[in-house]
Amino acid sequence: MKQLHERGYANYTLVLKATGQKVGVCGLYVRTGMRLIDLGYALLPSTEGNGYARESSLRLMQAAKEDFDQIKLSAVTHPDNAASIKSFRIPSYGSKNDYGIRRDFRIF
């Protein structure tokens, strides 16, 4: 809660509108030793593969830019985690770099 009060962003619970079922979390985090805000998420294993990480990541990228004036974010995942890497390759209305990541955000 400290980060939410100090910065206006934190960790958010992902809830299905239709059922109210909690499926995971997604958030913008200030992490010790990282100079950029970190975008992170975790889903319940039973809810993976439904696009929830992608949808919530896109929404938080938008909020980071529009509400918190952030043009760069970090996102850390294991190199073998293809699903997480794919979720950060989000199409946008603007141009993309060679990896399919929005040019107005850099994922480090």
C-alpha atoms as a PDB file:
ATOM      1  CA  MET A   1       0.000   0.000   0.000  1.00  0.00           C
ATOM      2  CA  LYS A   2       2.931   2.337   0.607  1.00  0.00           C
ATOM      3  CA  GLN A   3       3.849   2.394  -3.083  1.00  0.00           C
ATOM      4  CA  LEU A   4       0.225   3.012  -4.075  1.00  0.00           C
ATOM      5  CA  HIS A   5      -0.019   6.020  -1.777  1.00  0.00           C
ATOM      6  CA  GLU A   6       3.389   7.412  -2.733  1.00  0.00           C
ATOM      7  CA  ARG A   7       3.287   6.819  -6.491  1.00  0.00           C
ATOM      8  CA  GLY A   8      -0.318   6.104  -7.460  1.00  0.00           C
ATOM      9  CA  TYR A   9       0.295   2.608  -8.804  1.00  0.00           C
ATOM     10  CA  ALA A  10       0.914  -0.824  -7.341  1.00  0.00           C
ATOM     11  CA  ASN A  11      -0.358  -4.382  -7.607  1.00  0.00           C
ATOM     12  CA  TYR A  12      -3.877  -5.031  -8.927  1.00  0.00           C
ATOM     13  CA  THR A  13      -6.021  -8.134  -8.614  1.00  0.00           C
ATOM     14  CA  LEU A  14      -7.347  -9.508 -11.894  1.00  0.00           C
ATOM     15  CA  VAL A  15     -11.009 -10.482 -11.611  1.00  0.00           C
ATOM     16  CA  LEU A  16     -13.317 -11.888 -14.280  1.00  0.00           C
ATOM     17  CA  LYS A  17     -16.219  -9.484 -14.792  1.00  0.00           C
ATOM     18  CA  ALA A  18     -18.735 -12.236 -15.556  1.00  0.00           C
ATOM     19  CA  THR A  19     -18.079 -14.378 -12.481  1.00  0.00           C
ATOM     20  CA  GLY A  20     -16.021 -12.345 -10.023  1.00  0.00           C
ATOM     21  CA  GLN A  21     -13.391 -15.112 -10.026  1.00  0.00           C
ATOM     22  CA  LYS A  22      -9.900 -13.933  -9.111  1.00  0.00           C
ATOM     23  CA  VAL A  23      -7.467 -15.090 -11.808  1.00  0.00           C
ATOM     24  CA  GLY A  24      -4.214 -13.386 -10.830  1.00  0.00           C
ATOM     25  CA  VAL A  25      -2.410 -10.116 -10.281  1.00  0.00           C
ATOM     26  CA  CYS A  26      -0.713  -7.529 -12.468  1.00  0.00           C
ATOM     27  CA  GLY A  27       1.071  -4.393 -11.444  1.00  0.00           C
ATOM     28  CA  LEU A  28       3.654  -1.698 -11.804  1.00  0.00           C
ATOM     29  CA  TYR A  29       6.406  -2.069  -9.246  1.00  0.00           C
ATOM     30  CA  VAL A  30       9.325  -0.060  -7.926  1.00  0.00           C
ATOM     31  CA  ARG A  31      12.066  -2.633  -7.363  1.00  0.00           C
ATOM     32  CA  THR A  32      15.313  -2.106  -5.510  1.00  0.00           C
ATOM     33  CA  GLY A  33      18.240  -2.024  -7.917  1.00  0.00           C
ATOM     34  CA  MET A  34      16.103  -1.374 -11.018  1.00  0.00           C
ATOM     35  CA  ARG A  35      16.042   2.094 -12.499  1.00  0.00           C
ATOM     36  CA  LEU A  36      12.810   1.564 -14.456  1.00  0.00           C
ATOM     37  CA  ILE A  37       9.336   0.718 -13.238  1.00  0.00           C
ATOM     38  CA  ASP A  38       8.770  -3.028 -13.560  1.00  0.00           C
ATOM     39  CA  LEU A  39       5.637  -4.479 -15.145  1.00  0.00           C
ATOM     40  CA  GLY A  40       4.861  -7.848 -13.647  1.00  0.00           C
ATOM     41  CA  TYR A  41       2.040 -10.347 -13.367  1.00  0.00           C
ATOM     42  CA  ALA A  42       1.154 -13.774 -12.048  1.00  0.00           C
ATOM     43  CA  LEU A  43      -1.816 -15.928 -12.964  1.00  0.00           C
ATOM     44  CA  LEU A  44      -3.408 -18.952 -11.394  1.00  0.00           C
ATOM     45  CA  PRO A  45      -2.255 -21.945 -13.460  1.00  0.00           C
ATOM     46  CA  SER A  46      -5.859 -22.852 -14.271  1.00  0.00           C
ATOM     47  CA  THR A  47      -6.380 -19.445 -15.931  1.00  0.00           C
ATOM     48  CA  GLU A  48      -3.239 -19.292 -18.073  1.00  0.00           C
ATOM     49  CA  GLY A  49      -3.590 -19.160 -21.841  1.00  0.00           C
ATOM     50  CA  ASN A  50      -6.713 -16.992 -21.914  1.00  0.00           C
ATOM     51  CA  GLY A  51      -5.044 -13.669 -22.709  1.00  0.00           C
ATOM     52  CA  TYR A  52      -5.432 -12.195 -19.221  1.00  0.00           C
ATOM     53  CA  ALA A  53      -1.734 -11.374 -18.846  1.00  0.00           C
ATOM     54  CA  ARG A  54      -1.669  -9.766 -22.274  1.00  0.00           C
ATOM     55  CA  GLU A  55      -4.814  -7.729 -21.676  1.00  0.00           C
ATOM     56  CA  SER A  56      -3.776  -6.520 -18.233  1.00  0.00           C
ATOM     57  CA  SER A  57      -0.218  -5.753 -19.375  1.00  0.00           C
ATOM     58  CA  LEU A  58      -1.526  -3.658 -22.255  1.00  0.00           C
ATOM     59  CA  ARG A  59      -3.807  -1.726 -19.915  1.00  0.00           C
ATOM     60  CA  LEU A  60      -0.993  -1.052 -17.462  1.00  0.00           C
ATOM     61  CA  MET A  61       1.333   0.035 -20.276  1.00  0.00           C
ATOM     62  CA  GLN A  62      -1.334   2.526 -21.305  1.00  0.00           C
ATOM     63  CA  ALA A  63      -1.744   3.755 -17.715  1.00  0.00           C
ATOM     64  CA  ALA A  64       2.026   4.027 -17.241  1.00  0.00           C
ATOM     65  CA  LYS A  65       2.259   6.300 -20.241  1.00  0.00           C
ATOM     66  CA  GLU A  66      -0.935   8.326 -19.901  1.00  0.00           C
ATOM     67  CA  ASP A  67      -1.309   8.578 -16.131  1.00  0.00           C
ATOM     68  CA  PHE A  68       2.271   8.346 -14.841  1.00  0.00           C
ATOM     69  CA  ASP A  69       4.316   9.843 -17.724  1.00  0.00           C
ATOM     70  CA  GLN A  70       6.452   6.718 -18.113  1.00  0.00           C
ATOM     71  CA  ILE A  71       7.797   5.973 -21.593  1.00  0.00           C
ATOM     72  CA  LYS A  72       9.980   3.056 -20.544  1.00  0.00           C
ATOM     73  CA  LEU A  73       9.194   0.025 -18.418  1.00  0.00           C
ATOM     74  CA  SER A  74      11.080  -3.082 -17.484  1.00  0.00           C
ATOM     75  CA  ALA A  75       9.698  -6.607 -17.585  1.00  0.00           C
ATOM     76  CA  VAL A  76      11.721  -9.531 -16.318  1.00  0.00           C
ATOM     77  CA  THR A  77      11.025 -13.158 -17.143  1.00  0.00           C
ATOM     78  CA  HIS A  78      12.930 -16.377 -17.593  1.00  0.00           C
ATOM     79  CA  PRO A  79      14.285 -16.749 -21.158  1.00  0.00           C
ATOM     80  CA  ASP A  80      12.436 -20.059 -21.517  1.00  0.00           C
ATOM     81  CA  ASN A  81       9.077 -18.557 -20.563  1.00  0.00           C
ATOM     82  CA  ALA A  82       7.710 -18.215 -24.093  1.00  0.00           C
ATOM     83  CA  ALA A  83       4.195 -17.339 -22.933  1.00  0.00           C
ATOM     84  CA  SER A  84       5.379 -14.344 -20.896  1.00  0.00           C
ATOM     85  CA  ILE A  85       7.673 -13.154 -23.666  1.00  0.00           C
ATOM     86  CA  LYS A  86       4.790 -13.398 -26.125  1.00  0.00           C
ATOM     87  CA  SER A  87       2.501 -11.376 -23.835  1.00  0.00           C
ATOM     88  CA  PHE A  88       4.873  -8.421 -24.114  1.00  0.00           C
ATOM     89  CA  ARG A  89       4.836  -8.517 -27.917  1.00  0.00           C
ATOM     90  CA  ILE A  90       1.701  -6.460 -28.097  1.00  0.00           C
ATOM     91  CA  PRO A  91       0.464  -4.916 -31.341  1.00  0.00           C
ATOM     92  CA  SER A  92      -0.236  -1.216 -31.142  1.00  0.00           C
ATOM     93  CA  TYR A  93      -1.639   1.560 -33.248  1.00  0.00           C
ATOM     94  CA  GLY A  94       1.882   2.907 -33.666  1.00  0.00           C
ATOM     95  CA  SER A  95       4.887   1.278 -35.235  1.00  0.00           C
ATOM     96  CA  LYS A  96       6.719  -1.637 -33.651  1.00  0.00           C
ATOM     97  CA  ASN A  97      10.344  -2.617 -33.415  1.00  0.00           C
ATOM     98  CA  ASP A  98      11.717  -5.873 -34.823  1.00  0.00           C
ATOM     99  CA  TYR A  99      10.452  -7.826 -31.836  1.00  0.00           C
ATOM    100  CA  GLY A 100       6.875  -6.636 -32.160  1.00  0.00           C
ATOM    101  CA  ILE A 101       7.053  -4.521 -29.027  1.00  0.00           C
ATOM    102  CA  ARG A 102       5.427  -1.118 -29.113  1.00  0.00           C
ATOM    103  CA  ARG A 103       7.952   1.583 -29.970  1.00  0.00           C
ATOM    104  CA  ASP A 104       6.576   3.975 -27.371  1.00  0.00           C
ATOM    105  CA  PHE A 105       7.555   1.451 -24.685  1.00  0.00           C
ATOM    106  CA  ARG A 106      10.771  -0.383 -24.206  1.00  0.00           C
ATOM    107  CA  ILE A 107      10.682  -3.634 -22.354  1.00  0.00           C
ATOM    108  CA  PHE A 108      13.974  -4.400 -20.629  1.00  0.00           C
END
